[in-house]
Every structure is written in structure tokens, then in C-alpha cells.
Amino acid sequence: MELKDKLVSSFMAFEEAFDVDTDIHQLRSDAIKEFETLGFPSKKDEAWKYTSLNSVLKHDYSVFPNKEDAIDYKDIKKYLIHDIDSYKLIFIDGIYSSHLSQTTHDKIDVCLMSSALSKSKYKPIIENYFNKIVPKNSGLNALNTAFSKEGAFIHIHDNKSADMPIQIINFSTGNESALLVQPRNLIVVGENSQVQIIERHQSLTDHPVFTNSVTEVFAEKRAIVDYYKIQNDRDSASLIDNTFIEQKDESYCFMHTFSFGGKLTRNNLNFYQKGERSESTLKGITIIEGKQHVDHNTLVHHTSPNCESHQDYKGIFADNSVGVFNGRVLVDRDAQKINAFQSNNNILMDDKATINSKPQLEIFADDVKCSHGCTIGQLDEESLFYMRSRGIPLKEARALLMYAFANNVMESVKIPEIKKRITHQIALKLGVKLGFDL
């Protein structure tokens, strides 16, 4: 049985565990019908022209893991940003782990989607925000909505700030021979509020894992959202990350994506600016090797005037790895005085490495400042010669040039511990010690 057919037939068993009289039941039912019609994307779709899911979909994935596996803190400590105090939402094979997590309802709500979907106190938030900005033309989004049950629910009330960063981490134990997990996250940041979020998906064994994640983020007036995605999984793990962000007036949203590992990673990142003087920042670093594949597909949709957006993605590709960047900036007719910048710069370390880059501007307003650029090349030979002439070995010289290449993305990271962790990871990927204080 193909995976699509297995998922459609499994939906009825999934729904039997829930109250069929709720509004979410109808939403799930409509979504599974949409998935049945659309199915999984293929290379025939323009947005998936350079990314095939065939190698991912061939496995016989378990849809419902048996139970939460007993994992101790020592087993996962190295994957956490443990040198800072933080709230933690930790999931094991898609199931919430209460003994590893730290949640709160003190001035802010950091809890579970299953609670938010079932408890009456959260009903107004669910009715106003859940599944409101997820496009209806994607089979993957529909599949996640149909099986939406567990994930992170974060509500920062008006005029409040999260006193600690929030870590959302999904672990896969490998107890199943192959596992499909579909976390669903809803994050609502109220007026004059702010939050910092760190998200990660991590396998603990080499068993195949396919993660189809959907995250909705709502930034109300003058809200600040600082979001970090750390993607450094095993070569047996594949991740489709669908993130949708809606911004109101004078809100600031920062998204940093660090892609260092995994078999196939696809980041669908969509910003919708629906308020004046809002600002969106999208930055990413990709360093991959072997046969790894990373695809960044971004959209910034400017619907209101006097807004800004900045995109800066750097990629370093070795061996037979493949990178894709498809960045789109859309400016509506009424969105005058927009300042939008988009940049994608890449280094190919080997002849068989590949990068497909397609920056796009679609502008329907006449009073804007928009630019985009793309570079694909190798390390500068003159710079290497200069460094070697000063006594720096070739390996270290190449590493220093690559670190300098990616460093401007790091400058905007606001959590020192994140910057330290990513700097260390870059050094590991390059195979040298860069001499920084880690």
C-alpha cells in the first residue's frame, strides 16, 4: 500500500479518539479530503522542481507510535541549549514528555496543542487563529491539519514578555522501523509583547523518520518574535517544515534557520505583512555534504505600505550535496514605500555539488525600493594564496574563509548561547578549531 493510501485509510482510526461534534472534527475531515485530492507534491509542481520526495515516501512509516519511550535527560542533554534557563516543550515520537518538559501558565501560556484544542478556556484563541493562514493548495499542509493533535501552543498575552526563551524539541527514538510525525504548533504573540523560540527535530537512531511540521505564528501590533530553527539531524531523517507568519502594525519578526544535517530538508517559510511599519528578517546558513539536500522556499508578501523585509541566505555545499533557494518577494499595489532586500550567496566546494537558486521579485507598486541578488562560486584563490603566504595551512585557510563568508548571518543572532552553539557547529562541519572562545 502506498503511503498516501495508508494515511487516508488511517484517518478514521485517528478520528475515533476525538469528539466528532467539535469544530476541529469538521476541519480535519475537510483536510483529509483535500489531501486525498492533492496528494504529495512532485517535481511536476513548479515550487518542487528541484526537490523530489520519492526517496522519502518509499518507506512503510508507522503513523501511530505505540507509546512514549522512557528517555532520560542525559540522553538528550547535548541537543538542548542547556546553559540558559528556558521553558521546554519536549516530544518523544510525537508524544509529549511531561518529565522532560517545563511549561507555564503564569502570565503567558506555554503548553500543548492537545490541551488548547480540547479545553474551553482556549476556544477563543483556537477559533481566531488556528489554521487561519495556512494555504489551501498544499497536500502536505492538509495532511498535517487532518492529523493535527499534538505540538506546541504558545500564547503571549498583551503587554507581556516571555521571561525565558522557549525550546520546542521533537525527538525520534527509533523504536519504530520507520516513523511519520506531524507536529502542529500555534504561536500567538499579543500587542506590545515579545518572545524568543528555539525549535529542533532530532533523531536518536538511524531509523528513517519523516517529519511534516506546520507552525502558525501571529505577531500582533508592536510584537517582537525572535525565532531560531536548528536543523542538524541524521542522514536517515527527512523534514518538511511549513511555517507561516502573520504580522500586524509595527511588529518585528526575525527567523534564523541553520541547516547542517538530515537526508532531505525543505523549509517553506511564508511571511504575510498585514500592518504598516512592520519588519521581517529571514536569515539562514546551510552547510551540507554527502548526498544531503536542503531546500529553502521563502515568501514575503507585502500587503501594507511603509514596511521592510530582509532576506540573507548563505550556503556551503560539498561532495554530492544539493541546495535549493527559491525566494519570492510579492508587493501588492497598495503597498507603497516598501524596502525589500533579498540575497542568496553560495559556495560549491566540489564539482559534483549543486545549487539551484531562483530569487524573485513581483512588484505591483510604483514607489518601492526592492533588490535581489545571487552568487554561486568557489573560494577565492587569491585570498587563499594570501593566507597561506602568511603561514596559515590550507585547511585552516579554507575554513576561515568559509566562516567569514557565513559570519554576517551570525551577527543578528540575539541569544549569545545560540551564537556560541552555532559557531561551534560550523567549526565541526569545517573540521577545524577556529580559535574562538566556545
Protein backbone atom coordinates (compact mmCIF):
# COMPACT_ATOMS: atom_id res chain seq x y z
CA MET A 1 0.00 0.00 0.00
CA GLU A 2 1.33 3.44 -0.93
CA LEU A 3 1.85 5.94 1.87
CA LYS A 4 -0.95 8.21 0.63
CA ASP A 5 -3.49 5.38 0.70
CA LYS A 6 -2.27 4.24 4.12
CA LEU A 7 -2.72 7.73 5.56
CA VAL A 8 -6.22 8.16 4.13
CA SER A 9 -7.31 4.77 5.48
CA SER A 10 -5.72 5.53 8.88
CA PHE A 11 -7.66 8.77 9.30
CA MET A 12 -10.84 7.10 10.51
CA ALA A 13 -8.97 5.29 13.29
CA PHE A 14 -7.33 8.58 14.25
CA GLU A 15 -10.63 10.43 14.46
CA GLU A 16 -12.28 7.79 16.63
CA ALA A 17 -10.18 9.03 19.54
CA PHE A 18 -11.75 12.51 19.41
CA ASP A 19 -15.11 14.17 19.88
CA VAL A 20 -16.70 14.18 16.43
CA ASP A 21 -19.05 17.01 17.39
CA THR A 22 -16.30 19.63 17.69
CA ASP A 23 -15.44 22.24 15.07
CA ILE A 24 -11.96 20.79 14.72
CA HIS A 25 -13.51 17.49 13.60
CA GLN A 26 -15.02 19.13 10.52
CA LEU A 27 -11.75 20.92 9.84
CA ARG A 28 -9.85 17.63 9.97
CA SER A 29 -12.40 15.89 7.75
CA ASP A 30 -12.18 18.61 5.11
CA ALA A 31 -8.40 18.49 5.28
CA ILE A 32 -8.12 14.74 4.67
CA LYS A 33 -10.36 15.11 1.61
CA GLU A 34 -8.08 17.89 0.38
CA PHE A 35 -5.02 15.68 0.90
CA GLU A 36 -6.72 12.82 -0.90
CA THR A 37 -7.21 15.13 -3.88
CA LEU A 38 -3.81 16.85 -3.86
CA GLY A 39 -1.54 14.11 -2.53
CA PHE A 40 2.17 14.67 -2.07
CA PRO A 41 3.97 17.26 -4.23
CA SER A 42 6.14 16.09 -7.12
CA LYS A 43 8.75 17.63 -9.40
CA LYS A 44 5.92 18.44 -11.82
CA ASP A 45 4.98 21.22 -9.40
CA GLU A 46 7.00 24.35 -10.17
CA ALA A 47 7.73 25.01 -6.50
CA TRP A 48 9.14 21.47 -6.16
CA LYS A 49 11.05 21.40 -9.44
CA TYR A 50 14.40 20.66 -7.79
CA THR A 51 13.24 18.58 -4.81
CA SER A 52 11.87 15.05 -5.11
CA LEU A 53 10.18 13.22 -2.24
CA ASN A 54 10.38 9.80 -3.91
CA SER A 55 13.21 8.53 -1.70
CA VAL A 56 11.35 9.76 1.40
CA LEU A 57 7.93 8.30 0.58
CA LYS A 58 9.15 4.78 -0.21
CA HIS A 59 9.30 3.70 3.46
CA ASP A 60 6.45 1.99 5.30
CA TYR A 61 6.03 4.57 8.04
CA SER A 62 4.25 3.94 11.30
CA VAL A 63 1.61 6.63 11.75
CA PHE A 64 0.72 5.96 15.38
CA PRO A 65 3.67 5.21 17.70
CA ASN A 66 2.83 2.73 20.43
CA LYS A 67 3.77 4.79 23.45
CA GLU A 68 6.18 7.34 24.81
CA ASP A 69 9.61 5.80 25.22
CA ALA A 70 11.38 6.25 28.55
CA ILE A 71 14.19 8.69 27.80
CA ASP A 72 16.33 10.27 30.46
CA TYR A 73 17.59 13.82 30.47
CA LYS A 74 21.16 12.60 29.98
CA ASP A 75 20.13 11.04 26.65
CA ILE A 76 19.05 14.38 25.20
CA LYS A 77 21.09 16.93 27.14
CA LYS A 78 23.52 17.63 24.30
CA TYR A 79 20.67 18.61 21.99
CA LEU A 80 19.29 21.25 24.36
CA ILE A 81 20.53 24.77 24.86
CA HIS A 82 21.09 23.76 28.47
CA ASP A 83 23.31 26.65 29.57
CA ILE A 84 20.35 29.03 29.69
CA ASP A 85 17.10 28.91 31.65
CA SER A 86 14.21 28.17 29.33
CA TYR A 87 10.74 26.75 29.07
CA LYS A 88 10.79 23.38 27.31
CA LEU A 89 8.21 21.53 25.26
CA ILE A 90 9.71 18.12 24.52
CA PHE A 91 8.02 15.45 22.45
CA ILE A 92 9.13 11.83 22.10
CA ASP A 93 7.94 10.18 18.87
CA GLY A 94 5.24 12.85 18.67
CA ILE A 95 4.05 12.31 22.26
CA TYR A 96 4.52 14.97 24.94
CA SER A 97 7.06 14.13 27.63
CA SER A 98 5.94 15.73 30.89
CA HIS A 99 9.00 14.72 32.92
CA LEU A 100 11.42 16.34 30.46
CA SER A 101 9.38 19.48 29.80
CA GLN A 102 8.82 22.72 31.67
CA THR A 103 5.64 24.64 30.88
CA THR A 104 3.87 27.60 32.45
CA HIS A 105 0.54 29.42 32.69
CA ASP A 106 1.95 32.31 34.70
CA LYS A 107 1.25 35.47 32.64
CA ILE A 108 1.98 33.51 29.44
CA ASP A 109 0.70 30.15 28.18
CA VAL A 110 3.32 27.60 27.17
CA CYS A 111 1.50 24.29 26.86
CA LEU A 112 0.22 21.66 24.43
CA MET A 113 -1.86 21.85 21.28
CA SER A 114 -3.92 18.89 22.54
CA SER A 115 -4.92 20.97 25.57
CA ALA A 116 -5.67 24.05 23.50
CA LEU A 117 -7.81 22.07 21.07
CA SER A 118 -9.87 20.41 23.82
CA LYS A 119 -10.24 22.95 26.64
CA SER A 120 -12.90 25.65 26.56
CA LYS A 121 -10.58 28.32 28.04
CA TYR A 122 -8.56 28.29 24.80
CA LYS A 123 -11.54 28.19 22.46
CA PRO A 124 -11.42 31.91 21.51
CA ILE A 125 -7.75 31.64 20.54
CA ILE A 126 -8.34 28.47 18.50
CA GLU A 127 -11.35 29.99 16.73
CA ASN A 128 -9.49 33.20 15.87
CA TYR A 129 -6.10 31.79 14.90
CA PHE A 130 -5.93 28.05 14.30
CA ASN A 131 -5.47 27.17 10.60
CA LYS A 132 -6.20 30.76 9.54
CA ILE A 133 -3.07 31.49 7.48
CA VAL A 134 -2.22 28.02 6.17
CA PRO A 135 -2.75 27.98 2.37
CA LYS A 136 -5.33 25.57 0.99
CA ASN A 137 -3.31 24.48 -2.05
CA SER A 138 -0.82 22.15 -0.35
CA GLY A 139 -1.30 18.46 0.25
CA LEU A 140 1.34 18.48 2.99
CA ASN A 141 -0.41 21.27 4.89
CA ALA A 142 -3.74 19.48 4.53
CA LEU A 143 -2.21 16.22 5.76
CA ASN A 144 -0.85 17.92 8.87
CA THR A 145 -4.21 19.60 9.57
CA ALA A 146 -6.05 16.31 9.19
CA PHE A 147 -3.85 14.64 11.81
CA SER A 148 -3.34 17.73 13.98
CA LYS A 149 -3.23 16.66 17.58
CA GLU A 150 -0.01 17.48 19.37
CA GLY A 151 2.60 20.20 19.28
CA ALA A 152 3.37 23.49 20.97
CA PHE A 153 0.75 26.04 21.94
CA ILE A 154 2.25 29.37 22.96
CA HIS A 155 0.17 32.43 23.81
CA ILE A 156 1.94 35.55 24.98
CA HIS A 157 -0.76 37.85 26.32
CA ASP A 158 -0.87 41.57 25.52
CA ASN A 159 1.82 43.70 27.18
CA LYS A 160 3.73 40.64 28.39
CA SER A 161 7.15 39.25 27.58
CA ALA A 162 8.34 35.69 27.94
CA ASP A 163 10.91 35.87 30.72
CA MET A 164 12.87 32.96 29.24
CA PRO A 165 13.36 31.52 25.74
CA ILE A 166 11.08 28.61 24.79
CA GLN A 167 12.58 25.43 23.36
CA ILE A 168 10.41 23.15 21.19
CA ILE A 169 12.18 19.86 20.52
CA ASN A 170 10.83 16.75 18.82
CA PHE A 171 12.85 13.55 19.42
CA SER A 172 12.51 10.30 17.48
CA THR A 173 13.62 7.20 19.38
CA GLY A 174 13.85 4.70 16.52
CA ASN A 175 11.56 2.22 18.29
CA GLU A 176 9.58 2.04 15.06
CA SER A 177 11.34 0.77 11.92
CA ALA A 178 10.14 3.96 10.22
CA LEU A 179 8.10 6.78 11.73
CA LEU A 180 5.97 9.64 10.41
CA VAL A 181 5.39 12.51 12.86
CA GLN A 182 3.31 15.64 12.26
CA PRO A 183 3.73 18.27 14.96
CA ARG A 184 1.39 21.24 14.82
CA ASN A 185 2.42 24.49 16.53
CA LEU A 186 0.37 27.63 17.17
CA ILE A 187 2.12 30.74 18.48
CA VAL A 188 0.20 33.93 19.24
CA VAL A 189 2.16 36.96 20.45
CA GLY A 190 -0.11 39.74 21.68
CA GLU A 191 0.23 43.50 21.37
CA ASN A 192 3.42 45.02 22.82
CA SER A 193 4.71 41.53 23.69
CA GLN A 194 7.80 39.54 22.78
CA VAL A 195 9.14 36.00 22.76
CA GLN A 196 12.24 34.02 21.78
CA ILE A 197 11.75 30.48 20.43
CA ILE A 198 14.20 27.70 19.59
CA GLU A 199 12.97 24.74 17.55
CA ARG A 200 14.67 21.46 16.71
CA HIS A 201 13.83 18.00 15.32
CA GLN A 202 16.27 15.25 16.31
CA SER A 203 16.55 11.51 15.67
CA LEU A 204 18.31 9.34 18.25
CA THR A 205 18.90 6.37 15.88
CA ASP A 206 19.39 5.79 12.15
CA HIS A 207 15.86 4.50 11.54
CA PRO A 208 14.02 6.54 8.87
CA VAL A 209 11.96 9.44 10.19
CA PHE A 210 9.71 11.71 8.13
CA THR A 211 8.56 14.90 9.86
CA ASN A 212 5.81 17.02 8.32
CA SER A 213 5.57 20.07 10.59
CA VAL A 214 3.25 23.07 10.43
CA THR A 215 3.72 26.19 12.55
CA GLU A 216 1.49 29.27 12.60
CA VAL A 217 2.85 32.46 14.16
CA PHE A 218 0.75 35.58 14.75
CA ALA A 219 2.54 38.80 15.73
CA GLU A 220 0.06 41.43 16.83
CA LYS A 221 0.74 45.18 16.92
CA ARG A 222 4.24 46.07 18.13
CA ALA A 223 5.03 42.43 18.92
CA ILE A 224 8.57 41.06 18.63
CA VAL A 225 9.22 37.44 17.63
CA ASP A 226 12.78 36.08 17.60
CA TYR A 227 12.73 32.52 16.20
CA TYR A 228 15.60 30.04 15.68
CA LYS A 229 15.40 26.74 13.80
CA ILE A 230 18.33 24.36 14.32
CA GLN A 231 18.39 21.56 11.72
CA ASN A 232 21.24 19.12 12.28
CA ASP A 233 19.69 15.68 12.10
CA ARG A 234 20.97 12.28 10.96
CA ASP A 235 21.15 11.25 7.30
CA SER A 236 18.12 8.98 7.83
CA ALA A 237 15.82 11.88 8.78
CA SER A 238 13.72 13.99 6.41
CA LEU A 239 11.97 17.21 7.40
CA ILE A 240 9.30 19.28 5.69
CA ASP A 241 8.94 22.44 7.78
CA ASN A 242 5.97 24.65 6.90
CA THR A 243 5.98 27.95 8.82
CA PHE A 244 3.51 30.79 8.31
CA ILE A 245 3.87 34.18 10.00
CA GLU A 246 1.30 36.99 10.01
CA GLN A 247 2.41 40.43 11.17
CA LYS A 248 0.36 43.42 12.25
CA ASP A 249 1.41 47.10 12.57
CA GLU A 250 4.94 47.84 13.82
CA SER A 251 5.72 44.20 14.56
CA TYR A 252 9.21 42.75 14.20
CA CYS A 253 9.81 39.12 13.27
CA PHE A 254 13.23 37.52 12.96
CA MET A 255 13.72 33.98 11.62
CA HIS A 256 17.15 32.30 11.62
CA THR A 257 17.44 28.86 10.03
CA PHE A 258 20.61 26.79 10.50
CA SER A 259 20.64 23.71 8.23
CA PHE A 260 23.58 21.40 8.87
CA GLY A 261 22.21 17.88 8.53
CA GLY A 262 19.46 15.50 7.53
CA LYS A 263 18.73 13.46 4.43
CA LEU A 264 16.26 15.94 2.97
CA THR A 265 15.20 19.26 4.46
CA ARG A 266 12.60 21.53 2.94
CA ASN A 267 11.80 24.85 4.62
CA ASN A 268 8.60 26.53 3.43
CA LEU A 269 8.75 29.91 5.15
CA ASN A 270 5.96 32.41 4.48
CA PHE A 271 5.64 35.93 5.89
CA TYR A 272 2.45 37.96 5.47
CA GLN A 273 2.81 41.62 6.39
CA LYS A 274 -0.67 42.91 7.20
CA GLY A 275 0.20 46.07 9.06
CA GLU A 276 2.16 49.26 8.38
CA ARG A 277 5.76 49.72 9.56
CA SER A 278 6.27 46.03 10.16
CA GLU A 279 9.65 44.41 9.54
CA SER A 280 10.59 40.85 8.56
CA THR A 281 14.09 39.37 8.72
CA LEU A 282 14.86 35.95 7.24
CA LYS A 283 18.40 34.62 7.51
CA GLY A 284 19.92 31.20 7.06
CA ILE A 285 23.15 29.23 6.92
CA THR A 286 23.36 25.89 5.12
CA ILE A 287 26.47 23.68 5.34
CA ILE A 288 25.94 20.16 4.00
CA GLU A 289 27.90 17.29 2.46
CA GLY A 290 27.50 13.77 1.13
CA LYS A 291 24.12 13.39 -0.57
CA GLN A 292 22.24 15.74 1.73
CA HIS A 293 19.58 18.01 0.26
CA VAL A 294 18.37 21.36 1.68
CA ASP A 295 15.66 23.45 0.01
CA HIS A 296 14.68 26.93 1.24
CA ASN A 297 11.41 28.17 -0.22
CA THR A 298 10.52 31.64 1.09
CA LEU A 299 7.75 34.16 0.54
CA VAL A 300 7.41 37.67 1.90
CA HIS A 301 4.04 39.13 0.93
CA HIS A 302 3.85 42.90 1.42
CA THR A 303 0.21 43.96 1.61
CA SER A 304 0.66 47.17 3.65
CA PRO A 305 2.77 50.29 2.97
CA ASN A 306 5.90 51.51 4.79
CA CYS A 307 7.28 48.06 5.60
CA GLU A 308 10.65 46.34 5.28
CA SER A 309 11.91 42.83 4.66
CA HIS A 310 15.45 41.46 4.59
CA GLN A 311 16.49 38.02 3.34
CA ASP A 312 20.06 36.76 3.56
CA TYR A 313 20.86 33.08 2.95
CA LYS A 314 24.36 31.62 2.76
CA GLY A 315 25.13 28.09 1.55
CA ILE A 316 28.26 25.92 1.54
CA PHE A 317 27.90 22.64 -0.38
CA ALA A 318 30.39 19.77 -0.50
CA ASP A 319 30.57 16.31 -2.15
CA ASN A 320 27.28 15.46 -3.95
CA SER A 321 25.04 17.65 -1.82
CA VAL A 322 22.23 19.69 -3.35
CA GLY A 323 20.94 23.10 -2.31
CA VAL A 324 17.83 24.94 -3.47
CA PHE A 325 16.82 28.52 -2.82
CA ASN A 326 13.51 29.80 -4.15
CA GLY A 327 12.91 33.24 -2.64
CA ARG A 328 9.89 35.32 -3.58
CA VAL A 329 9.02 38.89 -2.63
CA LEU A 330 5.48 39.96 -3.55
CA VAL A 331 4.48 43.62 -3.27
CA ASP A 332 0.78 44.46 -3.67
CA ARG A 333 -0.43 47.56 -5.50
CA ASP A 334 -1.31 49.41 -2.28
CA ALA A 335 1.95 48.53 -0.53
CA GLN A 336 3.85 51.71 -1.35
CA LYS A 337 7.23 52.71 0.14
CA ILE A 338 8.40 49.16 0.67
CA ASN A 339 12.08 48.43 1.28
CA ALA A 340 12.74 44.77 0.41
CA PHE A 341 16.16 43.17 0.10
CA GLN A 342 16.93 39.58 -0.86
CA SER A 343 20.33 37.89 -1.14
CA ASN A 344 21.45 34.30 -1.72
CA ASN A 345 25.18 33.56 -1.81
CA ASN A 346 26.64 30.08 -2.27
CA ILE A 347 29.99 28.30 -2.34
CA LEU A 348 30.43 24.97 -4.12
CA MET A 349 33.33 23.06 -2.57
CA ASP A 350 33.29 20.17 -5.07
CA ASP A 351 32.50 19.76 -8.75
CA LYS A 352 29.53 17.47 -8.07
CA ALA A 353 27.84 19.76 -5.55
CA THR A 354 24.77 21.58 -6.87
CA ILE A 355 22.84 24.73 -6.05
CA ASN A 356 19.63 25.84 -7.77
CA SER A 357 18.81 29.45 -6.92
CA LYS A 358 15.80 31.44 -8.04
CA PRO A 359 15.33 34.85 -6.38
CA GLN A 360 12.08 36.53 -7.47
CA LEU A 361 10.54 39.98 -7.18
CA GLU A 362 6.89 40.57 -8.09
CA ILE A 363 6.16 44.27 -7.68
CA PHE A 364 2.80 45.91 -8.41
CA ALA A 365 3.51 49.20 -6.58
CA ASP A 366 5.48 52.07 -8.12
CA ASP A 367 7.11 53.70 -5.08
CA VAL A 368 9.31 50.97 -3.64
CA LYS A 369 12.96 50.09 -3.11
CA CYS A 370 13.44 46.39 -3.86
CA SER A 371 16.55 44.44 -4.81
CA HIS A 372 17.72 40.86 -5.06
CA GLY A 373 20.96 39.12 -5.84
CA CYS A 374 22.50 35.68 -6.15
CA THR A 375 26.09 34.45 -6.35
CA ILE A 376 27.43 30.94 -6.92
CA GLY A 377 31.14 30.27 -6.91
CA GLN A 378 34.16 28.80 -5.18
CA LEU A 379 36.60 30.12 -2.61
CA ASP A 380 38.71 32.99 -3.84
CA GLU A 381 42.13 31.66 -4.87
CA GLU A 382 43.87 34.99 -4.25
CA SER A 383 42.58 35.12 -0.69
CA LEU A 384 43.72 31.54 -0.10
CA PHE A 385 47.17 32.35 -1.51
CA TYR A 386 47.45 35.42 0.71
CA MET A 387 46.55 33.48 3.85
CA ARG A 388 48.90 30.61 3.02
CA SER A 389 51.70 33.08 2.37
CA ARG A 390 51.20 34.25 5.95
CA GLY A 391 51.78 30.73 7.28
CA ILE A 392 48.15 29.54 7.59
CA PRO A 393 47.72 25.90 6.44
CA LEU A 394 45.38 25.31 3.51
CA LYS A 395 42.70 23.52 5.56
CA GLU A 396 42.54 26.27 8.16
CA ALA A 397 42.64 28.99 5.49
CA ARG A 398 39.65 27.45 3.69
CA ALA A 399 37.80 27.13 6.99
CA LEU A 400 38.44 30.74 7.96
CA LEU A 401 37.23 32.00 4.59
CA MET A 402 34.06 29.92 4.85
CA TYR A 403 33.41 31.11 8.38
CA ALA A 404 33.87 34.74 7.30
CA PHE A 405 31.51 34.05 4.40
CA ALA A 406 28.73 32.98 6.78
CA ASN A 407 29.52 35.30 9.67
CA ASN A 408 27.23 38.22 8.80
CA VAL A 409 24.24 35.93 9.33
CA MET A 410 25.51 35.21 12.85
CA GLU A 411 25.77 38.91 13.71
CA SER A 412 21.99 39.24 14.03
CA VAL A 413 21.61 36.31 16.46
CA LYS A 414 20.39 37.80 19.73
CA ILE A 415 20.88 34.85 22.10
CA PRO A 416 24.60 34.53 22.95
CA GLU A 417 24.29 30.82 23.74
CA ILE A 418 22.77 30.17 20.32
CA LYS A 419 25.58 32.08 18.64
CA LYS A 420 28.15 30.09 20.61
CA ARG A 421 26.46 26.77 19.76
CA ILE A 422 26.17 27.53 16.04
CA THR A 423 29.75 28.85 15.85
CA HIS A 424 30.94 25.59 17.38
CA GLN A 425 28.82 23.58 14.95
CA ILE A 426 30.25 25.46 11.97
CA ALA A 427 33.75 24.64 13.23
CA LEU A 428 32.80 20.96 13.49
CA LYS A 429 31.34 20.95 9.99
CA LEU A 430 34.51 22.52 8.62
CA GLY A 431 36.67 20.07 10.55
CA VAL A 432 38.87 22.59 12.35
CA LYS A 433 39.14 24.62 15.51
CA LEU A 434 38.72 28.24 14.58
CA GLY A 435 40.28 29.54 17.77
CA PHE A 436 37.17 31.27 19.07
CA ASP A 437 36.06 31.12 22.68
CA LEU A 438 33.33 28.45 22.52
